[in-house]
Amino acid sequence: SPTPPIVSSIGEVADVGANSAMAALPEDSEQLRRHAEKLKLWLLSDQGFGSYLDTFFRDNAQYFDDYQDEHALHYTTLHKDFASKFEAEVQGWLSDEGLTEEHLEAMLLLGKEGQTGEELGEDWICLDPSSDVVVET
């Protein structure tokens, strides 16, 4: 069967084949955690995917700054374009690191196991208590 996309949603990837993903990889948990830290830094840094994030939001600011009750068709196009770029970039990062999608799945599972769910008020959740990064929920 064809390989599924890297991330259709983090939850879906993390829940698929949890035991088989961890058992099939020769790397130990600590090594995968180090790779996960590198991936997190790469995703947010200007030297990694973060530069694309900045450009994407600047180029499409008119769509994000204009609240509409209904989703315009352009949002679907933006989502598809962003998802395609994200998947390609993550694939490239994995290749550069000598990793596979199975490694990514295992890293996501390790991250899921380590989540604290530390809440910062009603509308915010801290994804990583060792950083200042928060995501509105």
Protein backbone atom coordinates (compact mmCIF):
# COMPACT_ATOMS: atom_id res chain seq x y z
CA SER A 1 0.00 0.00 0.00
CA PRO A 2 1.19 3.57 -0.60
CA THR A 3 3.04 5.40 2.14
CA PRO A 4 0.71 7.75 4.02
CA PRO A 5 1.56 11.45 4.21
CA ILE A 6 4.00 12.42 6.94
CA VAL A 7 1.57 14.54 8.85
CA SER A 8 -2.07 14.79 7.98
CA SER A 9 -2.43 15.72 11.62
CA ILE A 10 -0.02 15.15 14.46
CA GLY A 11 -2.58 13.10 16.38
CA GLU A 12 -3.19 10.72 13.51
CA VAL A 13 0.50 10.03 12.98
CA ALA A 14 1.18 9.59 16.67
CA ASP A 15 -1.65 7.10 17.11
CA VAL A 16 -0.87 4.83 14.15
CA GLY A 17 1.14 1.71 14.96
CA ALA A 18 2.60 2.99 18.21
CA ASN A 19 4.11 -0.27 19.39
CA SER A 20 5.38 -1.38 15.98
CA ALA A 21 7.07 1.96 15.26
CA MET A 22 9.07 1.93 18.48
CA ALA A 23 9.94 -1.76 18.30
CA ALA A 24 11.11 -1.63 14.67
CA LEU A 25 13.73 1.07 15.16
CA PRO A 26 17.27 0.30 16.30
CA GLU A 27 17.79 3.75 17.84
CA ASP A 28 17.37 4.15 21.53
CA SER A 29 14.89 6.60 23.00
CA GLU A 30 17.58 9.11 23.96
CA GLN A 31 18.94 9.29 20.42
CA LEU A 32 15.43 9.81 19.05
CA ARG A 33 14.82 12.55 21.64
CA ARG A 34 17.97 14.34 20.43
CA HIS A 35 16.71 14.13 16.84
CA ALA A 36 13.30 15.41 17.97
CA GLU A 37 14.98 18.43 19.63
CA LYS A 38 16.89 19.12 16.40
CA LEU A 39 13.66 18.86 14.43
CA LYS A 40 11.88 21.26 16.77
CA LEU A 41 14.71 23.79 16.44
CA TRP A 42 14.78 23.38 12.65
CA LEU A 43 10.99 23.85 12.40
CA LEU A 44 11.12 27.18 14.24
CA SER A 45 14.49 28.62 13.20
CA ASP A 46 15.19 31.09 10.42
CA GLN A 47 17.81 28.65 9.12
CA GLY A 48 15.14 25.96 8.80
CA PHE A 49 11.43 25.85 8.12
CA GLY A 50 10.85 28.98 10.21
CA SER A 51 11.96 31.18 7.32
CA TYR A 52 9.23 29.66 5.14
CA LEU A 53 6.68 30.16 7.93
CA ASP A 54 7.58 33.83 8.11
CA THR A 55 7.40 34.27 4.33
CA PHE A 56 4.15 32.30 4.06
CA PHE A 57 2.39 34.41 6.69
CA ARG A 58 3.74 37.69 5.30
CA ASP A 59 2.75 36.78 1.74
CA ASN A 60 -0.76 35.77 2.84
CA ALA A 61 -1.32 38.29 5.62
CA GLN A 62 -4.44 39.68 3.96
CA TYR A 63 -6.14 36.30 4.41
CA PHE A 64 -5.09 35.82 8.04
CA ASP A 65 -5.81 39.38 9.14
CA ASP A 66 -9.33 39.46 7.71
CA TYR A 67 -11.74 37.49 9.92
CA GLN A 68 -14.63 35.90 8.05
CA ASP A 69 -17.39 33.70 9.45
CA GLU A 70 -17.15 31.44 6.40
CA HIS A 71 -13.99 29.92 5.02
CA ALA A 72 -13.19 31.16 1.55
CA LEU A 73 -12.01 28.74 -1.11
CA HIS A 74 -8.63 30.41 -0.92
CA TYR A 75 -8.12 28.92 2.56
CA THR A 76 -8.30 25.44 1.03
CA THR A 77 -5.67 26.43 -1.52
CA LEU A 78 -3.45 27.93 1.19
CA HIS A 79 -3.80 24.80 3.31
CA LYS A 80 -2.91 22.48 0.42
CA ASP A 81 0.08 24.61 -0.58
CA PHE A 82 1.33 24.84 3.00
CA ALA A 83 0.82 21.12 3.70
CA SER A 84 2.64 20.17 0.51
CA LYS A 85 5.60 22.42 1.31
CA PHE A 86 5.67 21.22 4.94
CA GLU A 87 5.70 17.55 3.93
CA ALA A 88 8.43 18.11 1.33
CA GLU A 89 10.59 20.07 3.77
CA VAL A 90 10.20 17.50 6.55
CA GLN A 91 11.05 14.73 4.07
CA GLY A 92 14.18 16.68 3.11
CA TRP A 93 15.15 17.18 6.76
CA LEU A 94 14.67 13.48 7.46
CA SER A 95 16.82 12.59 4.45
CA ASP A 96 19.54 15.05 5.50
CA GLU A 97 19.57 13.47 8.97
CA GLY A 98 19.59 9.91 7.59
CA LEU A 99 16.16 9.23 9.10
CA THR A 100 12.93 7.72 7.81
CA GLU A 101 9.23 8.34 8.37
CA GLU A 102 9.33 5.52 10.91
CA HIS A 103 11.88 7.54 12.91
CA LEU A 104 9.58 10.56 12.71
CA GLU A 105 6.67 8.49 13.95
CA ALA A 106 8.75 7.21 16.86
CA MET A 107 9.90 10.76 17.71
CA LEU A 108 6.28 11.95 17.73
CA LEU A 109 5.31 9.04 19.97
CA LEU A 110 8.13 9.87 22.40
CA GLY A 111 7.01 13.49 22.42
CA LYS A 112 3.42 12.47 23.03
CA GLU A 113 4.49 10.32 25.98
CA GLY A 114 6.41 13.25 27.46
CA GLN A 115 3.63 15.86 27.16
CA THR A 116 2.74 17.48 30.41
CA GLY A 117 -0.37 19.34 29.30
CA GLU A 118 0.66 22.17 31.62
CA GLU A 119 -2.08 24.72 31.21
CA LEU A 120 -1.41 28.42 31.16
CA GLY A 121 -4.89 29.77 31.74
CA GLU A 122 -8.04 28.68 29.97
CA ASP A 123 -7.02 29.38 26.38
CA TRP A 124 -3.32 28.46 26.28
CA ILE A 125 -1.38 25.25 26.66
CA CYS A 126 2.40 24.92 26.95
CA LEU A 127 3.65 22.27 24.54
CA ASP A 128 7.15 22.15 25.97
CA PRO A 129 7.62 23.33 29.55
CA SER A 130 11.35 23.84 28.90
CA SER A 131 10.58 26.60 26.36
CA ASP A 132 8.49 29.71 26.07
CA VAL A 133 6.62 28.37 23.05
CA VAL A 134 2.86 28.29 23.54
CA VAL A 135 0.06 27.64 21.09
CA GLU A 136 -3.42 29.09 21.28
CA THR A 137 -6.04 26.35 21.55
